[in-house]
Structure formats: C-alpha cells, structure tokens
Amino acid sequence: MDKKEVRSELTRFVLDSLINEYKELADTWKTLDTKAQGTGTIAGVFLAAIFTWSRDLPAGFTCANKFGLGVALLFLIVVVLLSLFALAVREHDDLPQGRSVKGMYSDLNDVDLQQEHFDRFLGGLIEKWGQTNEQISAHNIAKGLYVRWAQYILVIAMGVVVMVCLASIFK
C-alpha cells in the first residue's frame, strides 16, 4: 500500500469509528432519558402520597412531623424539576447523513473525481460527525448530572418520608 491508500484506509476507519461512537452516545442518551422518566415517576408517586396523606393528618402529628413532610415535599419537587431538565430537548448539529451528505456529494459532481476529492469528502464527513458527537457527549454529561442529583435527592426525600411515618407511628 502506498501513502495515499494508507491515508484513505485510515480516513475510512476514523469515519466508521465516529459513526460507532455516535451510536453509543445515542444509546446513552436514551438510557439517561429512561432513568430520568423513572426517577420523576417515583417522585410523582411520593408527591401524590404526601398530598393525600396531608389532608387527613393524625391528631398527634407534631410540628416537627409537618416540617419533615414539608422538607420531603420540597425535595420531591426538586427531583421532578431535575428530571424534567434531564428530559429537556437539546439542540445539536444535524447528523451528517441524508440531505447534508447529498449536498456535499452534489458539490463533487461538478469535479473530475479523483482520490483527493473523495478524501476531502470523507474529511468533511469526519469533521461533521466529530462536531455532532462532541455536542451530544456534552449534552449527555449534563443529562447525567441532572439524573444523578435527582436520584440522590429522591433517596433523601424517601428517607425523610419514612422517618416522618415512623415518628408518627411510634410517637
């Protein structure tokens, strides 16, 4: 293989690698969305339970118990908000496929195609895939942080609810 062939093969390898990276990033995106939905749903169930329970509080329910429920309620609202932030639609560059690739290809139709034109075409694809992957990766990091904090706060809120329940049962 001469240098041009090696360069061409490496270019194709890099492009394939970026496409595979995108697939992994897209799977991570879906997984984070699923976790955010589950976390928000659990928080919603606890919120509904607190609202239902707070209508008919036991007679011996102390101010400390009410404060605990208020804190749990606040934490659960934060969890729902964090879950919604994780699920928020985020913009990123279009994937280099379909119409955008067709446009790049159309630009080459006017040229007497040579290997250097093909390599330049693949280089453009590599740049577009790389930019898109970087943006999606950054979004995944943000989504992951929202989900992680939502889950931490959910565990704390659930602990507060359990403590309030136990305190009201064993007063």
N, C-alpha and C. Protein backbone atom coordinates (compact mmCIF):
# COMPACT_ATOMS: atom_id res chain seq x y z
N MET A 1 0.84 -1.19 0.00
CA MET A 1 0.00 0.00 0.00
C MET A 1 0.88 1.24 0.00
N ASP A 2 0.54 2.17 -0.85
CA ASP A 2 1.27 3.43 -0.84
C ASP A 2 0.63 4.38 0.18
N LYS A 3 1.22 5.56 0.32
CA LYS A 3 0.77 6.50 1.33
C LYS A 3 -0.68 6.94 1.12
N LYS A 4 -1.07 7.14 -0.13
CA LYS A 4 -2.44 7.57 -0.41
C LYS A 4 -3.45 6.51 0.00
N GLU A 5 -3.13 5.25 -0.26
CA GLU A 5 -4.04 4.16 0.11
C GLU A 5 -4.14 4.03 1.63
N VAL A 6 -3.00 4.16 2.31
CA VAL A 6 -2.99 4.09 3.77
C VAL A 6 -3.82 5.23 4.35
N ARG A 7 -3.62 6.43 3.81
CA ARG A 7 -4.38 7.60 4.28
C ARG A 7 -5.87 7.38 4.05
N SER A 8 -6.23 6.86 2.91
CA SER A 8 -7.63 6.60 2.59
C SER A 8 -8.24 5.58 3.55
N GLU A 9 -7.51 4.51 3.82
CA GLU A 9 -8.00 3.48 4.75
C GLU A 9 -8.15 4.05 6.16
N LEU A 10 -7.18 4.85 6.59
CA LEU A 10 -7.26 5.46 7.92
C LEU A 10 -8.45 6.41 8.01
N THR A 11 -8.68 7.15 6.94
CA THR A 11 -9.81 8.07 6.91
C THR A 11 -11.11 7.31 7.06
N ARG A 12 -11.25 6.22 6.35
CA ARG A 12 -12.47 5.39 6.46
C ARG A 12 -12.60 4.80 7.86
N PHE A 13 -11.48 4.39 8.45
CA PHE A 13 -11.51 3.85 9.80
C PHE A 13 -11.99 4.90 10.80
N VAL A 14 -11.47 6.12 10.68
CA VAL A 14 -11.87 7.20 11.59
C VAL A 14 -13.36 7.48 11.43
N LEU A 15 -13.84 7.54 10.20
CA LEU A 15 -15.26 7.79 9.96
C LEU A 15 -16.12 6.69 10.58
N ASP A 16 -15.75 5.44 10.37
CA ASP A 16 -16.50 4.33 10.97
C ASP A 16 -16.48 4.42 12.50
N SER A 17 -15.34 4.80 13.04
CA SER A 17 -15.22 4.93 14.49
C SER A 17 -16.15 6.02 15.03
N LEU A 18 -16.23 7.14 14.33
CA LEU A 18 -17.12 8.23 14.76
C LEU A 18 -18.59 7.82 14.66
N ILE A 19 -18.94 7.08 13.63
CA ILE A 19 -20.33 6.61 13.50
C ILE A 19 -20.67 5.65 14.64
N ASN A 20 -19.74 4.76 14.98
CA ASN A 20 -19.97 3.85 16.11
C ASN A 20 -20.06 4.61 17.42
N GLU A 21 -19.23 5.65 17.58
CA GLU A 21 -19.29 6.47 18.79
C GLU A 21 -20.66 7.14 18.90
N TYR A 22 -21.17 7.63 17.78
CA TYR A 22 -22.50 8.24 17.79
C TYR A 22 -23.55 7.25 18.27
N LYS A 23 -23.48 6.02 17.80
CA LYS A 23 -24.46 5.01 18.22
C LYS A 23 -24.41 4.80 19.73
N GLU A 24 -23.20 4.76 20.28
CA GLU A 24 -23.06 4.60 21.74
C GLU A 24 -23.60 5.83 22.48
N LEU A 25 -23.31 7.01 21.96
CA LEU A 25 -23.82 8.23 22.58
C LEU A 25 -25.34 8.28 22.53
N ALA A 26 -25.92 7.84 21.42
CA ALA A 26 -27.38 7.82 21.29
C ALA A 26 -27.99 6.83 22.28
N ASP A 27 -27.33 5.68 22.47
CA ASP A 27 -27.82 4.71 23.46
C ASP A 27 -27.74 5.29 24.87
N THR A 28 -26.66 5.99 25.16
CA THR A 28 -26.51 6.63 26.47
C THR A 28 -27.61 7.67 26.67
N TRP A 29 -27.90 8.44 25.63
CA TRP A 29 -28.96 9.46 25.68
C TRP A 29 -30.28 8.81 26.05
N LYS A 30 -30.61 7.71 25.37
CA LYS A 30 -31.88 7.01 25.64
C LYS A 30 -31.91 6.45 27.06
N THR A 31 -30.80 5.90 27.50
CA THR A 31 -30.73 5.35 28.86
C THR A 31 -30.94 6.44 29.90
N LEU A 32 -30.31 7.58 29.70
CA LEU A 32 -30.48 8.69 30.64
C LEU A 32 -31.92 9.20 30.65
N ASP A 33 -32.53 9.25 29.47
CA ASP A 33 -33.94 9.66 29.41
C ASP A 33 -34.82 8.67 30.18
N THR A 34 -34.56 7.39 30.02
CA THR A 34 -35.34 6.37 30.73
C THR A 34 -35.17 6.51 32.24
N LYS A 35 -33.94 6.74 32.68
CA LYS A 35 -33.69 6.92 34.12
C LYS A 35 -34.37 8.18 34.65
N ALA A 36 -34.32 9.25 33.88
CA ALA A 36 -34.98 10.49 34.30
C ALA A 36 -36.49 10.29 34.40
N GLN A 37 -37.06 9.57 33.44
CA GLN A 37 -38.51 9.31 33.49
C GLN A 37 -38.87 8.48 34.72
N GLY A 38 -38.09 7.46 35.00
CA GLY A 38 -38.36 6.61 36.17
C GLY A 38 -38.21 7.38 37.47
N THR A 39 -37.18 8.19 37.57
CA THR A 39 -36.95 8.98 38.78
C THR A 39 -38.09 9.97 38.98
N GLY A 40 -38.50 10.64 37.92
CA GLY A 40 -39.61 11.59 38.01
C GLY A 40 -40.91 10.92 38.38
N THR A 41 -41.13 9.71 37.87
CA THR A 41 -42.35 8.97 38.18
C THR A 41 -42.39 8.58 39.65
N ILE A 42 -41.28 8.08 40.16
CA ILE A 42 -41.22 7.71 41.58
C ILE A 42 -41.47 8.93 42.46
N ALA A 43 -40.85 10.05 42.10
CA ALA A 43 -41.06 11.28 42.87
C ALA A 43 -42.53 11.70 42.81
N GLY A 44 -43.15 11.55 41.65
CA GLY A 44 -44.57 11.89 41.49
C GLY A 44 -45.46 11.04 42.37
N VAL A 45 -45.14 9.76 42.48
CA VAL A 45 -45.92 8.86 43.34
C VAL A 45 -45.81 9.32 44.80
N PHE A 46 -44.59 9.65 45.22
CA PHE A 46 -44.41 10.11 46.59
C PHE A 46 -45.11 11.45 46.82
N LEU A 47 -45.06 12.34 45.84
CA LEU A 47 -45.76 13.62 45.96
C LEU A 47 -47.27 13.39 46.14
N ALA A 48 -47.82 12.51 45.32
CA ALA A 48 -49.25 12.22 45.42
C ALA A 48 -49.58 11.63 46.79
N ALA A 49 -48.72 10.76 47.28
CA ALA A 49 -48.95 10.15 48.60
C ALA A 49 -48.91 11.21 49.70
N ILE A 50 -47.95 12.11 49.61
CA ILE A 50 -47.85 13.17 50.64
C ILE A 50 -49.08 14.06 50.60
N PHE A 51 -49.52 14.46 49.40
CA PHE A 51 -50.70 15.32 49.30
C PHE A 51 -51.94 14.60 49.83
N THR A 52 -52.06 13.32 49.52
CA THR A 52 -53.21 12.56 50.01
C THR A 52 -53.15 12.42 51.53
N TRP A 53 -52.00 12.09 52.04
CA TRP A 53 -51.83 11.87 53.48
C TRP A 53 -52.00 13.19 54.24
N SER A 54 -51.55 14.30 53.67
CA SER A 54 -51.59 15.57 54.40
C SER A 54 -53.01 16.11 54.58
N ARG A 55 -53.97 15.59 53.82
CA ARG A 55 -55.36 16.05 54.00
C ARG A 55 -55.93 15.57 55.33
N ASP A 56 -55.54 14.39 55.75
CA ASP A 56 -56.07 13.80 56.99
C ASP A 56 -54.93 13.41 57.91
N LEU A 57 -54.16 14.39 58.35
CA LEU A 57 -53.04 14.09 59.23
C LEU A 57 -53.57 13.60 60.58
N PRO A 58 -52.86 12.65 61.19
CA PRO A 58 -53.28 12.18 62.51
C PRO A 58 -53.29 13.31 63.53
N ALA A 59 -54.11 13.18 64.54
CA ALA A 59 -54.27 14.22 65.55
C ALA A 59 -52.95 14.51 66.27
N GLY A 60 -52.14 13.51 66.50
CA GLY A 60 -50.89 13.70 67.23
C GLY A 60 -49.72 14.12 66.35
N PHE A 61 -50.01 14.56 65.16
CA PHE A 61 -48.95 14.95 64.22
C PHE A 61 -48.31 16.25 64.71
N THR A 62 -47.05 16.20 65.02
CA THR A 62 -46.37 17.36 65.61
C THR A 62 -45.90 18.33 64.53
N CYS A 63 -45.46 19.48 64.99
CA CYS A 63 -44.88 20.48 64.06
C CYS A 63 -43.64 19.92 63.38
N ALA A 64 -42.87 19.13 64.11
CA ALA A 64 -41.67 18.52 63.53
C ALA A 64 -42.06 17.57 62.40
N ASN A 65 -43.15 16.79 62.60
CA ASN A 65 -43.63 15.90 61.55
C ASN A 65 -44.07 16.69 60.31
N LYS A 66 -44.78 17.79 60.56
CA LYS A 66 -45.24 18.63 59.45
C LYS A 66 -44.05 19.25 58.72
N PHE A 67 -43.06 19.69 59.49
CA PHE A 67 -41.87 20.25 58.88
C PHE A 67 -41.17 19.19 58.02
N GLY A 68 -41.08 17.98 58.55
CA GLY A 68 -40.46 16.88 57.79
C GLY A 68 -41.18 16.62 56.48
N LEU A 69 -42.51 16.63 56.53
CA LEU A 69 -43.29 16.45 55.30
C LEU A 69 -43.04 17.60 54.33
N GLY A 70 -42.95 18.81 54.87
CA GLY A 70 -42.67 19.97 54.02
C GLY A 70 -41.31 19.86 53.34
N VAL A 71 -40.32 19.41 54.09
CA VAL A 71 -38.98 19.22 53.53
C VAL A 71 -39.01 18.14 52.45
N ALA A 72 -39.68 17.04 52.74
CA ALA A 72 -39.79 15.96 51.74
C ALA A 72 -40.50 16.46 50.49
N LEU A 73 -41.54 17.24 50.69
CA LEU A 73 -42.30 17.80 49.57
C LEU A 73 -41.39 18.68 48.71
N LEU A 74 -40.62 19.52 49.35
CA LEU A 74 -39.69 20.40 48.63
C LEU A 74 -38.66 19.57 47.85
N PHE A 75 -38.08 18.57 48.51
CA PHE A 75 -37.10 17.70 47.84
C PHE A 75 -37.72 17.00 46.63
N LEU A 76 -38.93 16.52 46.78
CA LEU A 76 -39.58 15.80 45.68
C LEU A 76 -39.88 16.73 44.50
N ILE A 77 -40.24 17.96 44.79
CA ILE A 77 -40.45 18.93 43.71
C ILE A 77 -39.14 19.20 42.97
N VAL A 78 -38.05 19.29 43.72
CA VAL A 78 -36.73 19.48 43.10
C VAL A 78 -36.39 18.27 42.23
N VAL A 79 -36.70 17.07 42.69
CA VAL A 79 -36.45 15.86 41.91
C VAL A 79 -37.22 15.90 40.59
N VAL A 80 -38.48 16.27 40.65
CA VAL A 80 -39.28 16.35 39.42
C VAL A 80 -38.68 17.38 38.48
N LEU A 81 -38.27 18.52 39.00
CA LEU A 81 -37.68 19.56 38.15
C LEU A 81 -36.37 19.08 37.52
N LEU A 82 -35.52 18.44 38.31
CA LEU A 82 -34.26 17.92 37.77
C LEU A 82 -34.52 16.87 36.69
N SER A 83 -35.53 16.04 36.92
CA SER A 83 -35.88 15.03 35.91
C SER A 83 -36.35 15.69 34.63
N LEU A 84 -37.13 16.74 34.77
CA LEU A 84 -37.59 17.47 33.57
C LEU A 84 -36.42 18.16 32.86
N PHE A 85 -35.48 18.71 33.62
CA PHE A 85 -34.30 19.31 33.00
C PHE A 85 -33.51 18.25 32.22
N ALA A 86 -33.41 17.05 32.79
CA ALA A 86 -32.70 15.98 32.09
C ALA A 86 -33.41 15.59 30.80
N LEU A 87 -34.73 15.66 30.81
CA LEU A 87 -35.52 15.28 29.63
C LEU A 87 -35.67 16.41 28.61
N ALA A 88 -35.23 17.61 28.96
CA ALA A 88 -35.41 18.75 28.06
C ALA A 88 -34.77 18.49 26.71
N VAL A 89 -35.42 18.97 25.68
CA VAL A 89 -34.91 18.82 24.31
C VAL A 89 -33.68 19.71 24.17
N ARG A 90 -32.64 19.15 23.60
CA ARG A 90 -31.40 19.89 23.40
C ARG A 90 -31.06 19.90 21.92
N GLU A 91 -30.58 21.03 21.47
CA GLU A 91 -30.22 21.15 20.05
C GLU A 91 -28.77 20.76 19.85
N HIS A 92 -28.53 20.14 18.72
CA HIS A 92 -27.16 19.84 18.28
C HIS A 92 -27.15 19.85 16.77
N ASP A 93 -25.96 19.87 16.22
CA ASP A 93 -25.83 19.88 14.76
C ASP A 93 -26.54 18.67 14.17
N ASP A 94 -27.04 18.84 12.97
CA ASP A 94 -27.65 17.71 12.27
C ASP A 94 -26.59 16.65 12.00
N LEU A 95 -27.05 15.42 12.03
CA LEU A 95 -26.14 14.33 11.69
C LEU A 95 -25.73 14.44 10.23
N PRO A 96 -24.50 14.13 9.92
CA PRO A 96 -24.06 14.18 8.52
C PRO A 96 -24.57 12.96 7.76
N GLN A 97 -25.81 13.01 7.42
CA GLN A 97 -26.42 11.95 6.63
C GLN A 97 -27.58 12.54 5.85
N GLY A 98 -28.11 11.79 4.96
CA GLY A 98 -29.26 12.27 4.20
C GLY A 98 -28.96 13.49 3.35
N ARG A 99 -29.76 14.54 3.54
CA ARG A 99 -29.67 15.74 2.70
C ARG A 99 -28.33 16.44 2.81
N SER A 100 -27.75 16.49 4.03
CA SER A 100 -26.48 17.21 4.16
C SER A 100 -25.37 16.49 3.40
N VAL A 101 -25.37 15.17 3.44
CA VAL A 101 -24.35 14.41 2.69
C VAL A 101 -24.62 14.52 1.20
N LYS A 102 -25.89 14.50 0.84
CA LYS A 102 -26.23 14.65 -0.58
C LYS A 102 -25.74 16.00 -1.09
N GLY A 103 -25.87 17.05 -0.27
CA GLY A 103 -25.38 18.36 -0.66
C GLY A 103 -23.87 18.37 -0.84
N MET A 104 -23.17 17.69 0.06
CA MET A 104 -21.71 17.60 -0.07
C MET A 104 -21.34 16.83 -1.33
N TYR A 105 -22.11 15.78 -1.61
CA TYR A 105 -21.86 14.96 -2.79
C TYR A 105 -22.15 15.74 -4.07
N SER A 106 -23.21 16.52 -4.06
CA SER A 106 -23.58 17.32 -5.24
C SER A 106 -22.46 18.28 -5.61
N ASP A 107 -21.78 18.81 -4.58
CA ASP A 107 -20.66 19.71 -4.86
C ASP A 107 -19.54 19.00 -5.62
N LEU A 108 -19.42 17.70 -5.43
CA LEU A 108 -18.37 16.94 -6.10
C LEU A 108 -18.76 16.55 -7.53
N ASN A 109 -20.03 16.58 -7.85
CA ASN A 109 -20.47 16.16 -9.18
C ASN A 109 -19.86 17.00 -10.30
N ASP A 110 -19.53 18.23 -9.98
CA ASP A 110 -19.00 19.14 -10.99
C ASP A 110 -17.50 18.94 -11.23
N VAL A 111 -16.90 18.10 -10.43
CA VAL A 111 -15.45 17.96 -10.47
C VAL A 111 -15.09 16.62 -11.10
N ASP A 112 -13.99 16.59 -11.80
CA ASP A 112 -13.46 15.33 -12.31
C ASP A 112 -12.93 14.58 -11.08
N LEU A 113 -13.70 13.61 -10.60
CA LEU A 113 -13.41 12.96 -9.32
C LEU A 113 -12.06 12.25 -9.34
N GLN A 114 -11.31 12.56 -8.31
CA GLN A 114 -10.04 11.90 -8.09
C GLN A 114 -10.00 11.49 -6.63
N GLN A 115 -9.03 10.70 -6.25
CA GLN A 115 -8.93 10.21 -4.88
C GLN A 115 -8.87 11.35 -3.88
N GLU A 116 -8.20 12.44 -4.23
CA GLU A 116 -8.08 13.56 -3.28
C GLU A 116 -9.44 14.21 -3.02
N HIS A 117 -10.33 14.21 -4.01
CA HIS A 117 -11.67 14.74 -3.81
C HIS A 117 -12.47 13.85 -2.86
N PHE A 118 -12.34 12.56 -3.07
CA PHE A 118 -13.02 11.60 -2.20
C PHE A 118 -12.51 11.73 -0.77
N ASP A 119 -11.18 11.86 -0.63
CA ASP A 119 -10.60 12.01 0.71
C ASP A 119 -11.09 13.29 1.38
N ARG A 120 -11.19 14.38 0.61
CA ARG A 120 -11.70 15.63 1.15
C ARG A 120 -13.17 15.48 1.58
N PHE A 121 -13.93 14.76 0.77
CA PHE A 121 -15.33 14.48 1.09
C PHE A 121 -15.43 13.72 2.41
N LEU A 122 -14.62 12.67 2.56
CA LEU A 122 -14.63 11.91 3.81
C LEU A 122 -14.13 12.76 4.98
N GLY A 123 -13.16 13.63 4.71
CA GLY A 123 -12.68 14.53 5.76
C GLY A 123 -13.78 15.46 6.26
N GLY A 124 -14.61 15.94 5.32
CA GLY A 124 -15.74 16.78 5.71
C GLY A 124 -16.74 16.01 6.56
N LEU A 125 -16.98 14.76 6.19
CA LEU A 125 -17.87 13.91 6.99
C LEU A 125 -17.31 13.68 8.39
N ILE A 126 -16.02 13.42 8.45
CA ILE A 126 -15.36 13.20 9.74
C ILE A 126 -15.53 14.42 10.63
N GLU A 127 -15.31 15.59 10.06
CA GLU A 127 -15.44 16.82 10.86
C GLU A 127 -16.87 16.99 11.37
N LYS A 128 -17.86 16.76 10.51
CA LYS A 128 -19.26 16.91 10.92
C LYS A 128 -19.64 15.88 11.99
N TRP A 129 -19.26 14.62 11.80
CA TRP A 129 -19.57 13.60 12.80
C TRP A 129 -18.88 13.93 14.12
N GLY A 130 -17.64 14.39 14.05
CA GLY A 130 -16.91 14.74 15.27
C GLY A 130 -17.59 15.86 16.05
N GLN A 131 -18.01 16.91 15.34
CA GLN A 131 -18.69 18.03 15.99
C GLN A 131 -20.00 17.58 16.63
N THR A 132 -20.77 16.79 15.89
CA THR A 132 -22.05 16.31 16.42
C THR A 132 -21.82 15.45 17.66
N ASN A 133 -20.85 14.55 17.60
CA ASN A 133 -20.57 13.68 18.74
C ASN A 133 -20.13 14.47 19.96
N GLU A 134 -19.33 15.51 19.74
CA GLU A 134 -18.90 16.35 20.87
C GLU A 134 -20.09 17.02 21.53
N GLN A 135 -21.01 17.53 20.72
CA GLN A 135 -22.19 18.19 21.27
C GLN A 135 -23.07 17.20 22.04
N ILE A 136 -23.30 16.04 21.47
CA ILE A 136 -24.15 15.05 22.13
C ILE A 136 -23.48 14.56 23.41
N SER A 137 -22.18 14.39 23.37
CA SER A 137 -21.45 13.97 24.58
C SER A 137 -21.61 15.01 25.69
N ALA A 138 -21.50 16.28 25.35
CA ALA A 138 -21.67 17.34 26.35
C ALA A 138 -23.10 17.33 26.90
N HIS A 139 -24.08 17.11 26.03
CA HIS A 139 -25.47 17.03 26.49
C HIS A 139 -25.66 15.83 27.41
N ASN A 140 -25.04 14.70 27.07
CA ASN A 140 -25.15 13.52 27.91
C ASN A 140 -24.57 13.75 29.30
N ILE A 141 -23.47 14.49 29.35
CA ILE A 141 -22.87 14.80 30.66
C ILE A 141 -23.85 15.63 31.49
N ALA A 142 -24.45 16.63 30.87
CA ALA A 142 -25.42 17.46 31.60
C ALA A 142 -26.63 16.63 32.03
N LYS A 143 -27.16 15.81 31.12
CA LYS A 143 -28.31 14.96 31.46
C LYS A 143 -27.94 14.03 32.62
N GLY A 144 -26.75 13.47 32.55
CA GLY A 144 -26.30 12.55 33.60
C GLY A 144 -26.23 13.22 34.96
N LEU A 145 -25.74 14.46 34.98
CA LEU A 145 -25.68 15.19 36.25
C LEU A 145 -27.07 15.45 36.81
N TYR A 146 -27.99 15.87 35.94
CA TYR A 146 -29.37 16.09 36.40
C TYR A 146 -29.97 14.81 36.98
N VAL A 147 -29.78 13.71 36.27
CA VAL A 147 -30.35 12.44 36.73
C VAL A 147 -29.70 12.00 38.03
N ARG A 148 -28.39 12.12 38.11
CA ARG A 148 -27.68 11.70 39.33
C ARG A 148 -28.17 12.48 40.54
N TRP A 149 -28.26 13.81 40.41
CA TRP A 149 -28.70 14.61 41.54
C TRP A 149 -30.17 14.35 41.87
N ALA A 150 -30.97 14.13 40.84
CA ALA A 150 -32.38 13.81 41.09
C ALA A 150 -32.49 12.52 41.90
N GLN A 151 -31.68 11.53 41.56
CA GLN A 151 -31.72 10.27 42.28
C GLN A 151 -31.22 10.42 43.71
N TYR A 152 -30.14 11.18 43.91
CA TYR A 152 -29.64 11.41 45.27
C TYR A 152 -30.71 12.08 46.13
N ILE A 153 -31.30 13.13 45.59
CA ILE A 153 -32.30 13.88 46.36
C ILE A 153 -33.55 13.04 46.58
N LEU A 154 -33.89 12.19 45.61
CA LEU A 154 -35.04 11.29 45.79
C LEU A 154 -34.81 10.34 46.96
N VAL A 155 -33.64 9.80 47.06
CA VAL A 155 -33.33 8.89 48.17
C VAL A 155 -33.45 9.63 49.50
N ILE A 156 -32.94 10.85 49.55
CA ILE A 156 -33.05 11.64 50.79
C ILE A 156 -34.52 11.92 51.11
N ALA A 157 -35.29 12.32 50.10
CA ALA A 157 -36.72 12.61 50.32
C ALA A 157 -37.45 11.37 50.81
N MET A 158 -37.14 10.23 50.21
CA MET A 158 -37.79 8.99 50.66
C MET A 158 -37.42 8.68 52.11
N GLY A 159 -36.17 8.93 52.46
CA GLY A 159 -35.75 8.71 53.84
C GLY A 159 -36.49 9.63 54.81
N VAL A 160 -36.68 10.87 54.42
CA VAL A 160 -37.42 11.82 55.27
C VAL A 160 -38.86 11.35 55.44
N VAL A 161 -39.49 10.91 54.36
CA VAL A 161 -40.88 10.43 54.43
C VAL A 161 -40.97 9.22 55.36
N VAL A 162 -40.02 8.30 55.22
CA VAL A 162 -40.03 7.11 56.09
C VAL A 162 -39.85 7.52 57.55
N MET A 163 -38.94 8.45 57.81
CA MET A 163 -38.72 8.89 59.20
C MET A 163 -39.96 9.56 59.76
N VAL A 164 -40.63 10.39 58.96
CA VAL A 164 -41.86 11.05 59.43
C VAL A 164 -42.93 10.00 59.72
N CYS A 165 -43.06 9.02 58.84
CA CYS A 165 -44.05 7.96 59.05
C CYS A 165 -43.76 7.18 60.33
N LEU A 166 -42.51 6.81 60.49
CA LEU A 166 -42.14 6.05 61.69
C LEU A 166 -42.34 6.90 62.96
N ALA A 167 -42.00 8.18 62.87
CA ALA A 167 -42.16 9.06 64.03
C ALA A 167 -43.64 9.21 64.40
N SER A 168 -44.51 9.23 63.39
CA SER A 168 -45.94 9.39 63.69
C SER A 168 -46.54 8.07 64.20
N ILE A 169 -45.95 6.96 63.78
CA ILE A 169 -46.46 5.65 64.25
C ILE A 169 -45.99 5.36 65.67
N PHE A 170 -44.70 5.63 65.95
CA PHE A 170 -44.11 5.30 67.25
C PHE A 170 -43.91 6.53 68.12
N LYS A 171 -44.89 7.40 68.20
CA LYS A 171 -44.75 8.63 68.97
C LYS A 171 -44.72 8.39 70.45
